[in-house]
Amino acid sequence: MDNATNAHHVDFQPEVLSPASMFSTQTVMLASFLVAVLFLSIFVVFIRRKTTARGDALLLVGPPDAGKTAILSTLVYKQTLPTHSSMQTNSAVVDLPSSGKVLRLIDIPGHPRIRDQFRDHMPDAKGIAFVVDASTISRNSAAVAEHLHQILHELTSLPPSQTPPALLVVAHKSDLLKATAQAAPDQLAINRVRTILERELEKRRASQANGVAVESLGEEGGESEMGGLECNGSEFRFANWEGGEVEFVGTSVSVSRAALLEDEKAVGDGGLAPLERWLEEHS
């Protein structure tokens, strides 16, 4: 009897299912797609937050006595106050009426020993305004070109992941130039500054190409190996600069005269109007 019972007894082994057999190929592909979309969404949100947290400043750079601090006071406080060569960084916030946005202005001293402080503010820079006294640039053209060379070098040395700030050359104090039948003072200032800077930067580029160390008027030593002057052409021209677009505006301010910047009609009447329009376009 026991043998008969044992004959009919079958050992039961529980079936173990592998994970692969529990999900179809379509299910696995769908799950993988959803995970990829989730990670991509998180990455996009992170990048957008990082972008909005940066690039909210305009750096005012350039040689001493070019008028940087006067520009800042006129834009921010609506009047131009008497100034002197600054030895420390000034910053303020300006409201852009057309766009309704807010922009930080950072005035970097132009003294050769401390002008490289602009590097500390590069991560926050939306734009760089290189301010030049158009009425005196012919007397200190080599020093002004060296200073601008430093800016160009820094812009071309940024990592590919960082969008470089927009670059503007401000031909300031254009009101000190006499208008001609062919051009207004602002355009004369632009033409003069562009021509002189291109000539001086070409000298520096040619010297480097020939293996000759260019003269440094700033900190001892380290500026002779600067790059940043590469051009698509035989001579240096801003229009052919490989580092990006360089724009020019002519500006002026009058000391102790109220700057009528609240009224949009007044903004279009010269003075700092070209600079303000550029700020609105790049805000």
C-alpha atoms as a PDB file:
ATOM      1  CA  MET A   1       0.000   0.000   0.000  1.00  0.00           C
ATOM      2  CA  ASP A   2       2.787   2.378   0.896  1.00  0.00           C
ATOM      3  CA  ASN A   3       4.513   1.566  -2.361  1.00  0.00           C
ATOM      4  CA  ALA A   4       1.390   2.438  -4.307  1.00  0.00           C
ATOM      5  CA  THR A   5       1.044   5.702  -2.465  1.00  0.00           C
ATOM      6  CA  ASN A   6       4.657   6.583  -3.154  1.00  0.00           C
ATOM      7  CA  ALA A   7       4.187   5.718  -6.795  1.00  0.00           C
ATOM      8  CA  HIS A   8       1.445   8.274  -7.112  1.00  0.00           C
ATOM      9  CA  HIS A   9       3.347  10.956  -5.116  1.00  0.00           C
ATOM     10  CA  VAL A  10       5.081  13.615  -7.223  1.00  0.00           C
ATOM     11  CA  ASP A  11       7.595  15.996  -5.695  1.00  0.00           C
ATOM     12  CA  PHE A  12       6.458  19.658  -6.181  1.00  0.00           C
ATOM     13  CA  GLN A  13       9.219  22.109  -7.095  1.00  0.00           C
ATOM     14  CA  PRO A  14       8.169  25.813  -7.013  1.00  0.00           C
ATOM     15  CA  GLU A  15       8.791  27.605 -10.290  1.00  0.00           C
ATOM     16  CA  VAL A  16      11.194  30.516 -10.018  1.00  0.00           C
ATOM     17  CA  LEU A  17      10.618  33.256 -12.608  1.00  0.00           C
ATOM     18  CA  SER A  18      13.567  35.292 -13.833  1.00  0.00           C
ATOM     19  CA  PRO A  19      13.163  39.093 -13.989  1.00  0.00           C
ATOM     20  CA  ALA A  20      13.543  38.958 -17.759  1.00  0.00           C
ATOM     21  CA  SER A  21      10.530  36.663 -18.107  1.00  0.00           C
ATOM     22  CA  MET A  22       8.316  38.989 -16.018  1.00  0.00           C
ATOM     23  CA  PHE A  23       8.666  41.962 -18.405  1.00  0.00           C
ATOM     24  CA  SER A  24       8.256  42.067 -22.131  1.00  0.00           C
ATOM     25  CA  THR A  25      10.787  43.764 -24.384  1.00  0.00           C
ATOM     26  CA  GLN A  26       8.339  46.612 -24.993  1.00  0.00           C
ATOM     27  CA  THR A  27       7.907  47.185 -21.259  1.00  0.00           C
ATOM     28  CA  VAL A  28      11.656  47.373 -20.687  1.00  0.00           C
ATOM     29  CA  MET A  29      12.105  49.825 -23.567  1.00  0.00           C
ATOM     30  CA  LEU A  30       9.292  52.038 -22.288  1.00  0.00           C
ATOM     31  CA  ALA A  31      10.725  52.091 -18.776  1.00  0.00           C
ATOM     32  CA  SER A  32      14.180  52.988 -20.124  1.00  0.00           C
ATOM     33  CA  PHE A  33      12.703  55.805 -22.184  1.00  0.00           C
ATOM     34  CA  LEU A  34      10.845  57.251 -19.194  1.00  0.00           C
ATOM     35  CA  VAL A  35      13.980  57.159 -17.063  1.00  0.00           C
ATOM     36  CA  ALA A  36      15.948  58.938 -19.789  1.00  0.00           C
ATOM     37  CA  VAL A  37      13.270  61.621 -20.107  1.00  0.00           C
ATOM     38  CA  LEU A  38      13.297  62.124 -16.337  1.00  0.00           C
ATOM     39  CA  PHE A  39      17.062  62.619 -16.201  1.00  0.00           C
ATOM     40  CA  LEU A  40      16.964  64.940 -19.219  1.00  0.00           C
ATOM     41  CA  SER A  41      14.276  67.083 -17.590  1.00  0.00           C
ATOM     42  CA  ILE A  42      16.296  67.351 -14.394  1.00  0.00           C
ATOM     43  CA  PHE A  43      19.375  68.368 -16.400  1.00  0.00           C
ATOM     44  CA  VAL A  44      17.475  71.066 -18.344  1.00  0.00           C
ATOM     45  CA  VAL A  45      16.009  72.531 -15.161  1.00  0.00           C
ATOM     46  CA  PHE A  46      19.462  72.594 -13.562  1.00  0.00           C
ATOM     47  CA  ILE A  47      21.016  74.357 -16.556  1.00  0.00           C
ATOM     48  CA  ARG A  48      18.227  76.947 -16.710  1.00  0.00           C
ATOM     49  CA  ARG A  49      18.577  77.732 -13.021  1.00  0.00           C
ATOM     50  CA  LYS A  50      22.333  78.049 -13.397  1.00  0.00           C
ATOM     51  CA  THR A  51      21.941  80.338 -16.416  1.00  0.00           C
ATOM     52  CA  THR A  52      19.422  82.643 -14.759  1.00  0.00           C
ATOM     53  CA  ALA A  53      21.636  82.905 -11.693  1.00  0.00           C
ATOM     54  CA  ARG A  54      24.551  84.271 -13.722  1.00  0.00           C
ATOM     55  CA  GLY A  55      25.217  86.935 -16.298  1.00  0.00           C
ATOM     56  CA  ASP A  56      23.521  89.886 -14.620  1.00  0.00           C
ATOM     57  CA  ALA A  57      26.377  92.399 -14.694  1.00  0.00           C
ATOM     58  CA  LEU A  58      28.003  94.852 -17.084  1.00  0.00           C
ATOM     59  CA  LEU A  59      31.710  95.356 -16.443  1.00  0.00           C
ATOM     60  CA  LEU A  60      32.952  98.886 -17.130  1.00  0.00           C
ATOM     61  CA  VAL A  61      36.635  98.523 -17.916  1.00  0.00           C
ATOM     62  CA  GLY A  62      39.240 100.678 -19.591  1.00  0.00           C
ATOM     63  CA  PRO A  63      42.184 102.986 -18.885  1.00  0.00           C
ATOM     64  CA  PRO A  64      42.143 105.600 -16.099  1.00  0.00           C
ATOM     65  CA  ASP A  65      40.307 108.883 -16.722  1.00  0.00           C
ATOM     66  CA  ALA A  66      38.296 107.401 -19.581  1.00  0.00           C
ATOM     67  CA  GLY A  67      35.003 108.316 -17.891  1.00  0.00           C
ATOM     68  CA  LYS A  68      33.804 104.969 -16.503  1.00  0.00           C
ATOM     69  CA  THR A  69      32.678 106.328 -13.144  1.00  0.00           C
ATOM     70  CA  ALA A  70      30.914 109.274 -14.800  1.00  0.00           C
ATOM     71  CA  ILE A  71      29.004 106.842 -17.005  1.00  0.00           C
ATOM     72  CA  LEU A  72      27.981 104.790 -13.976  1.00  0.00           C
ATOM     73  CA  SER A  73      26.759 107.813 -12.007  1.00  0.00           C
ATOM     74  CA  THR A  74      24.811 109.146 -14.995  1.00  0.00           C
ATOM     75  CA  LEU A  75      23.066 105.849 -15.668  1.00  0.00           C
ATOM     76  CA  VAL A  76      22.293 105.077 -12.042  1.00  0.00           C
ATOM     77  CA  TYR A  77      21.773 108.452 -10.355  1.00  0.00           C
ATOM     78  CA  LYS A  78      20.512 110.391 -13.398  1.00  0.00           C
ATOM     79  CA  GLN A  79      23.191 113.019 -13.043  1.00  0.00           C
ATOM     80  CA  THR A  80      26.883 113.293 -13.776  1.00  0.00           C
ATOM     81  CA  LEU A  81      28.988 114.151 -10.766  1.00  0.00           C
ATOM     82  CA  PRO A  82      32.621 115.320 -10.831  1.00  0.00           C
ATOM     83  CA  THR A  83      34.879 112.266 -10.467  1.00  0.00           C
ATOM     84  CA  HIS A  84      38.544 111.392 -10.157  1.00  0.00           C
ATOM     85  CA  SER A  85      40.608 108.327 -10.974  1.00  0.00           C
ATOM     86  CA  SER A  86      39.204 105.498  -8.891  1.00  0.00           C
ATOM     87  CA  MET A  87      41.421 102.989  -7.099  1.00  0.00           C
ATOM     88  CA  GLN A  88      38.616 100.692  -5.977  1.00  0.00           C
ATOM     89  CA  THR A  89      35.739  98.885  -7.633  1.00  0.00           C
ATOM     90  CA  ASN A  90      32.375 100.638  -7.664  1.00  0.00           C
ATOM     91  CA  SER A  91      29.082  98.871  -8.264  1.00  0.00           C
ATOM     92  CA  ALA A  92      25.455  99.899  -8.514  1.00  0.00           C
ATOM     93  CA  VAL A  93      22.160  98.712  -9.982  1.00  0.00           C
ATOM     94  CA  VAL A  94      20.468 100.373 -12.949  1.00  0.00           C
ATOM     95  CA  ASP A  95      16.890  99.910 -14.159  1.00  0.00           C
ATOM     96  CA  LEU A  96      16.478  99.459 -17.909  1.00  0.00           C
ATOM     97  CA  PRO A  97      13.212 101.260 -18.726  1.00  0.00           C
ATOM     98  CA  SER A  98      12.373  99.603 -22.054  1.00  0.00           C
ATOM     99  CA  SER A  99      12.842  95.994 -20.970  1.00  0.00           C
ATOM    100  CA  GLY A 100      11.955  96.504 -17.312  1.00  0.00           C
ATOM    101  CA  LYS A 101      15.033  94.517 -16.315  1.00  0.00           C
ATOM    102  CA  VAL A 102      17.693  95.293 -13.739  1.00  0.00           C
ATOM    103  CA  LEU A 103      21.416  95.250 -14.475  1.00  0.00           C
ATOM    104  CA  ARG A 104      24.400  95.511 -12.167  1.00  0.00           C
ATOM    105  CA  LEU A 105      27.104  97.936 -13.242  1.00  0.00           C
ATOM    106  CA  ILE A 106      30.613  97.176 -11.979  1.00  0.00           C
ATOM    107  CA  ASP A 107      33.233  99.887 -12.512  1.00  0.00           C
ATOM    108  CA  ILE A 108      36.709  98.315 -12.525  1.00  0.00           C
ATOM    109  CA  PRO A 109      39.670 100.661 -11.851  1.00  0.00           C
ATOM    110  CA  GLY A 110      41.909 101.168 -14.864  1.00  0.00           C
ATOM    111  CA  HIS A 111      45.238 101.501 -13.082  1.00  0.00           C
ATOM    112  CA  PRO A 112      47.684  98.955 -14.562  1.00  0.00           C
ATOM    113  CA  ARG A 113      48.426  97.430 -11.169  1.00  0.00           C
ATOM    114  CA  ILE A 114      44.819  96.596 -10.303  1.00  0.00           C
ATOM    115  CA  ARG A 115      42.895  96.554 -13.580  1.00  0.00           C
ATOM    116  CA  ASP A 116      43.007  92.761 -13.785  1.00  0.00           C
ATOM    117  CA  GLN A 117      40.391  92.676 -11.001  1.00  0.00           C
ATOM    118  CA  PHE A 118      37.873  92.343 -13.817  1.00  0.00           C
ATOM    119  CA  ARG A 119      38.720  88.625 -13.914  1.00  0.00           C
ATOM    120  CA  ASP A 120      37.055  88.179 -10.529  1.00  0.00           C
ATOM    121  CA  HIS A 121      33.737  89.321 -12.036  1.00  0.00           C
ATOM    122  CA  MET A 122      33.872  87.415 -15.328  1.00  0.00           C
ATOM    123  CA  PRO A 123      31.546  84.593 -14.160  1.00  0.00           C
ATOM    124  CA  ASP A 124      28.787  87.177 -13.578  1.00  0.00           C
ATOM    125  CA  ALA A 125      29.390  89.267 -16.696  1.00  0.00           C
ATOM    126  CA  LYS A 126      26.626  89.627 -19.247  1.00  0.00           C
ATOM    127  CA  GLY A 127      28.650  92.217 -21.108  1.00  0.00           C
ATOM    128  CA  ILE A 128      31.932  94.116 -21.045  1.00  0.00           C
ATOM    129  CA  ALA A 129      32.117  97.789 -21.981  1.00  0.00           C
ATOM    130  CA  PHE A 130      35.676  98.902 -22.718  1.00  0.00           C
ATOM    131  CA  VAL A 131      35.581 102.688 -22.232  1.00  0.00           C
ATOM    132  CA  VAL A 132      38.098 104.838 -24.116  1.00  0.00           C
ATOM    133  CA  ASP A 133      38.619 108.616 -24.075  1.00  0.00           C
ATOM    134  CA  ALA A 134      38.301 109.328 -27.782  1.00  0.00           C
ATOM    135  CA  SER A 135      39.814 112.785 -27.392  1.00  0.00           C
ATOM    136  CA  THR A 136      43.149 111.584 -25.954  1.00  0.00           C
ATOM    137  CA  ILE A 137      43.638 108.064 -27.296  1.00  0.00           C
ATOM    138  CA  SER A 138      46.281 109.185 -29.776  1.00  0.00           C
ATOM    139  CA  ARG A 139      48.543 110.136 -26.833  1.00  0.00           C
ATOM    140  CA  ASN A 140      48.349 106.812 -24.976  1.00  0.00           C
ATOM    141  CA  SER A 141      47.337 104.423 -27.734  1.00  0.00           C
ATOM    142  CA  ALA A 142      49.886 101.710 -26.856  1.00  0.00           C
ATOM    143  CA  ALA A 143      48.755 101.515 -23.225  1.00  0.00           C
ATOM    144  CA  VAL A 144      45.069 101.466 -24.200  1.00  0.00           C
ATOM    145  CA  ALA A 145      45.687  98.707 -26.750  1.00  0.00           C
ATOM    146  CA  GLU A 146      47.569  96.642 -24.173  1.00  0.00           C
ATOM    147  CA  HIS A 147      44.636  96.937 -21.787  1.00  0.00           C
ATOM    148  CA  LEU A 148      42.168  95.851 -24.472  1.00  0.00           C
ATOM    149  CA  HIS A 149      44.507  93.006 -25.448  1.00  0.00           C
ATOM    150  CA  GLN A 150      44.194  91.729 -21.896  1.00  0.00           C
ATOM    151  CA  ILE A 151      40.390  91.694 -22.246  1.00  0.00           C
ATOM    152  CA  LEU A 152      40.508  89.922 -25.621  1.00  0.00           C
ATOM    153  CA  HIS A 153      42.889  87.324 -24.227  1.00  0.00           C
ATOM    154  CA  GLU A 154      40.585  86.620 -21.304  1.00  0.00           C
ATOM    155  CA  LEU A 155      37.533  86.255 -23.555  1.00  0.00           C
ATOM    156  CA  THR A 156      39.252  83.783 -25.871  1.00  0.00           C
ATOM    157  CA  SER A 157      40.556  81.802 -22.876  1.00  0.00           C
ATOM    158  CA  LEU A 158      37.105  81.008 -21.480  1.00  0.00           C
ATOM    159  CA  PRO A 159      36.128  77.317 -21.430  1.00  0.00           C
ATOM    160  CA  PRO A 160      33.821  76.174 -24.259  1.00  0.00           C
ATOM    161  CA  SER A 161      31.048  75.523 -21.743  1.00  0.00           C
ATOM    162  CA  GLN A 162      30.897  79.215 -20.780  1.00  0.00           C
ATOM    163  CA  THR A 163      29.166  81.668 -23.094  1.00  0.00           C
ATOM    164  CA  PRO A 164      31.434  84.720 -23.411  1.00  0.00           C
ATOM    165  CA  PRO A 165      29.949  88.098 -22.478  1.00  0.00           C
ATOM    166  CA  ALA A 166      29.189  90.572 -25.241  1.00  0.00           C
ATOM    167  CA  LEU A 167      31.979  93.078 -25.917  1.00  0.00           C
ATOM    168  CA  LEU A 168      31.407  96.774 -26.571  1.00  0.00           C
ATOM    169  CA  VAL A 169      34.032  99.469 -27.164  1.00  0.00           C
ATOM    170  CA  VAL A 170      32.740 102.822 -25.918  1.00  0.00           C
ATOM    171  CA  ALA A 171      34.329 105.787 -27.686  1.00  0.00           C
ATOM    172  CA  HIS A 172      33.615 108.223 -24.864  1.00  0.00           C
ATOM    173  CA  LYS A 173      33.859 112.017 -24.639  1.00  0.00           C
ATOM    174  CA  SER A 174      32.805 112.347 -28.257  1.00  0.00           C
ATOM    175  CA  ASP A 175      31.486 115.831 -27.467  1.00  0.00           C
ATOM    176  CA  LEU A 176      35.110 117.018 -27.384  1.00  0.00           C
ATOM    177  CA  LEU A 177      35.463 116.275 -31.108  1.00  0.00           C
ATOM    178  CA  LYS A 178      34.247 118.726 -33.737  1.00  0.00           C
ATOM    179  CA  ALA A 179      31.640 117.497 -36.159  1.00  0.00           C
ATOM    180  CA  THR A 180      32.348 117.583 -39.872  1.00  0.00           C
ATOM    181  CA  ALA A 181      30.137 117.667 -42.911  1.00  0.00           C
ATOM    182  CA  GLN A 182      30.689 113.927 -43.307  1.00  0.00           C
ATOM    183  CA  ALA A 183      30.179 112.688 -39.744  1.00  0.00           C
ATOM    184  CA  ALA A 184      28.726 113.630 -36.362  1.00  0.00           C
ATOM    185  CA  PRO A 185      30.962 113.639 -33.252  1.00  0.00           C
ATOM    186  CA  ASP A 186      29.817 110.168 -32.147  1.00  0.00           C
ATOM    187  CA  GLN A 187      30.778 108.620 -35.478  1.00  0.00           C
ATOM    188  CA  LEU A 188      34.055 110.518 -35.563  1.00  0.00           C
ATOM    189  CA  ALA A 189      34.884 109.148 -32.122  1.00  0.00           C
ATOM    190  CA  ILE A 190      34.076 105.599 -33.209  1.00  0.00           C
ATOM    191  CA  ASN A 191      36.161 105.861 -36.369  1.00  0.00           C
ATOM    192  CA  ARG A 192      39.101 107.332 -34.492  1.00  0.00           C
ATOM    193  CA  VAL A 193      39.097 104.784 -31.685  1.00  0.00           C
ATOM    194  CA  ARG A 194      38.625 101.817 -34.003  1.00  0.00           C
ATOM    195  CA  THR A 195      41.416 102.891 -36.360  1.00  0.00           C
ATOM    196  CA  ILE A 196      43.945 103.553 -33.603  1.00  0.00           C
ATOM    197  CA  LEU A 197      43.177 100.361 -31.684  1.00  0.00           C
ATOM    198  CA  GLU A 198      43.360  98.207 -34.802  1.00  0.00           C
ATOM    199  CA  ARG A 199      46.731  99.733 -35.662  1.00  0.00           C
ATOM    200  CA  GLU A 200      48.165  99.163 -32.187  1.00  0.00           C
ATOM    201  CA  LEU A 201      46.751  95.658 -31.810  1.00  0.00           C
ATOM    202  CA  GLU A 202      48.178  94.729 -35.206  1.00  0.00           C
ATOM    203  CA  LYS A 203      51.610  95.851 -33.970  1.00  0.00           C
ATOM    204  CA  ARG A 204      51.259  93.541 -30.982  1.00  0.00           C
ATOM    205  CA  ARG A 205      50.018  90.674 -33.131  1.00  0.00           C
ATOM    206  CA  ALA A 206      52.861  91.071 -35.648  1.00  0.00           C
ATOM    207  CA  SER A 207      55.457  91.198 -32.868  1.00  0.00           C
ATOM    208  CA  GLN A 208      54.153  87.978 -31.354  1.00  0.00           C
ATOM    209  CA  ALA A 209      54.045  86.294 -34.763  1.00  0.00           C
ATOM    210  CA  ASN A 210      57.727  87.185 -35.237  1.00  0.00           C
ATOM    211  CA  GLY A 211      58.662  85.831 -31.844  1.00  0.00           C
ATOM    212  CA  VAL A 212      59.238  89.267 -30.330  1.00  0.00           C
ATOM    213  CA  ALA A 213      57.853  89.843 -26.827  1.00  0.00           C
ATOM    214  CA  VAL A 214      55.445  92.765 -26.815  1.00  0.00           C
ATOM    215  CA  GLU A 215      55.982  95.571 -24.346  1.00  0.00           C
ATOM    216  CA  SER A 216      54.024  95.344 -21.117  1.00  0.00           C
ATOM    217  CA  LEU A 217      53.071  98.564 -19.380  1.00  0.00           C
ATOM    218  CA  GLY A 218      51.205  96.867 -16.555  1.00  0.00           C
ATOM    219  CA  GLU A 219      52.307  94.153 -14.169  1.00  0.00           C
ATOM    220  CA  GLU A 220      55.866  93.002 -14.641  1.00  0.00           C
ATOM    221  CA  GLY A 221      56.365  89.860 -16.592  1.00  0.00           C
ATOM    222  CA  GLY A 222      53.215  88.108 -17.473  1.00  0.00           C
ATOM    223  CA  GLU A 223      51.510  89.931 -20.318  1.00  0.00           C
ATOM    224  CA  SER A 224      53.940  89.314 -23.179  1.00  0.00           C
ATOM    225  CA  GLU A 225      52.579  85.812 -23.866  1.00  0.00           C
ATOM    226  CA  MET A 226      48.938  86.847 -24.174  1.00  0.00           C
ATOM    227  CA  GLY A 227      46.924  85.483 -27.082  1.00  0.00           C
ATOM    228  CA  GLY A 228      43.511  86.577 -28.247  1.00  0.00           C
ATOM    229  CA  LEU A 229      44.466  88.540 -31.381  1.00  0.00           C
ATOM    230  CA  GLU A 230      43.689  85.831 -33.928  1.00  0.00           C
ATOM    231  CA  CYS A 231      41.945  87.153 -37.040  1.00  0.00           C
ATOM    232  CA  ASN A 232      40.639  85.818 -40.327  1.00  0.00           C
ATOM    233  CA  GLY A 233      42.907  88.011 -42.400  1.00  0.00           C
ATOM    234  CA  SER A 234      46.409  89.296 -42.879  1.00  0.00           C
ATOM    235  CA  GLU A 235      45.988  92.180 -40.398  1.00  0.00           C
ATOM    236  CA  PHE A 236      44.074  92.674 -37.198  1.00  0.00           C
ATOM    237  CA  ARG A 237      40.554  93.982 -37.792  1.00  0.00           C
ATOM    238  CA  PHE A 238      37.745  93.888 -35.272  1.00  0.00           C
ATOM    239  CA  ALA A 239      35.374  92.749 -38.015  1.00  0.00           C
ATOM    240  CA  ASN A 240      37.553  89.660 -38.572  1.00  0.00           C
ATOM    241  CA  TRP A 241      38.382  88.866 -34.953  1.00  0.00           C
ATOM    242  CA  GLU A 242      37.939  85.156 -34.281  1.00  0.00           C
ATOM    243  CA  GLY A 243      36.802  85.751 -30.696  1.00  0.00           C
ATOM    244  CA  GLY A 244      33.372  87.058 -31.710  1.00  0.00           C
ATOM    245  CA  GLU A 245      31.600  90.299 -32.473  1.00  0.00           C
ATOM    246  CA  VAL A 246      32.957  93.610 -31.187  1.00  0.00           C
ATOM    247  CA  GLU A 247      30.541  96.531 -31.289  1.00  0.00           C
ATOM    248  CA  PHE A 248      31.268 100.267 -31.037  1.00  0.00           C
ATOM    249  CA  VAL A 249      29.265 103.232 -29.759  1.00  0.00           C
ATOM    250  CA  GLY A 250      30.088 106.900 -29.297  1.00  0.00           C
ATOM    251  CA  THR A 251      28.992 108.531 -26.031  1.00  0.00           C
ATOM    252  CA  SER A 252      29.392 111.642 -23.911  1.00  0.00           C
ATOM    253  CA  VAL A 253      28.203 113.141 -20.628  1.00  0.00           C
ATOM    254  CA  SER A 254      28.234 116.667 -19.273  1.00  0.00           C
ATOM    255  CA  VAL A 255      29.389 117.137 -15.700  1.00  0.00           C
ATOM    256  CA  SER A 256      26.806 118.629 -13.311  1.00  0.00           C
ATOM    257  CA  ARG A 257      24.074 118.518 -15.959  1.00  0.00           C
ATOM    258  CA  ALA A 258      21.025 116.394 -15.131  1.00  0.00           C
ATOM    259  CA  ALA A 259      20.806 113.363 -17.367  1.00  0.00           C
ATOM    260  CA  LEU A 260      17.233 113.141 -18.538  1.00  0.00           C
ATOM    261  CA  LEU A 261      17.072 109.383 -18.731  1.00  0.00           C
ATOM    262  CA  GLU A 262      13.587 108.822 -17.313  1.00  0.00           C
ATOM    263  CA  ASP A 263      11.916 110.004 -20.485  1.00  0.00           C
ATOM    264  CA  GLU A 264      12.333 107.631 -23.414  1.00  0.00           C
ATOM    265  CA  LYS A 265      12.303 110.582 -25.796  1.00  0.00           C
ATOM    266  CA  ALA A 266      15.284 112.099 -24.009  1.00  0.00           C
ATOM    267  CA  VAL A 267      17.156 108.815 -24.205  1.00  0.00           C
ATOM    268  CA  GLY A 268      17.234 109.072 -27.969  1.00  0.00           C
ATOM    269  CA  ASP A 269      18.911 112.468 -28.020  1.00  0.00           C
ATOM    270  CA  GLY A 270      22.568 111.469 -27.771  1.00  0.00           C
ATOM    271  CA  GLY A 271      24.774 111.404 -24.682  1.00  0.00           C
ATOM    272  CA  LEU A 272      24.570 107.852 -23.355  1.00  0.00           C
ATOM    273  CA  ALA A 273      21.641 106.855 -25.574  1.00  0.00           C
ATOM    274  CA  PRO A 274      23.723 104.509 -27.784  1.00  0.00           C
ATOM    275  CA  LEU A 275      25.035 102.731 -24.693  1.00  0.00           C
ATOM    276  CA  GLU A 276      21.558 102.411 -23.219  1.00  0.00           C
ATOM    277  CA  ARG A 277      20.207 100.947 -26.442  1.00  0.00           C
ATOM    278  CA  TRP A 278      23.028  98.404 -26.429  1.00  0.00           C
ATOM    279  CA  LEU A 279      22.245  97.483 -22.828  1.00  0.00           C
ATOM    280  CA  GLU A 280      18.575  96.972 -23.681  1.00  0.00           C
ATOM    281  CA  GLU A 281      19.471  94.739 -26.631  1.00  0.00           C
ATOM    282  CA  HIS A 282      21.759  92.554 -24.522  1.00  0.00           C
ATOM    283  CA  SER A 283      19.715  92.464 -21.311  1.00  0.00           C
END
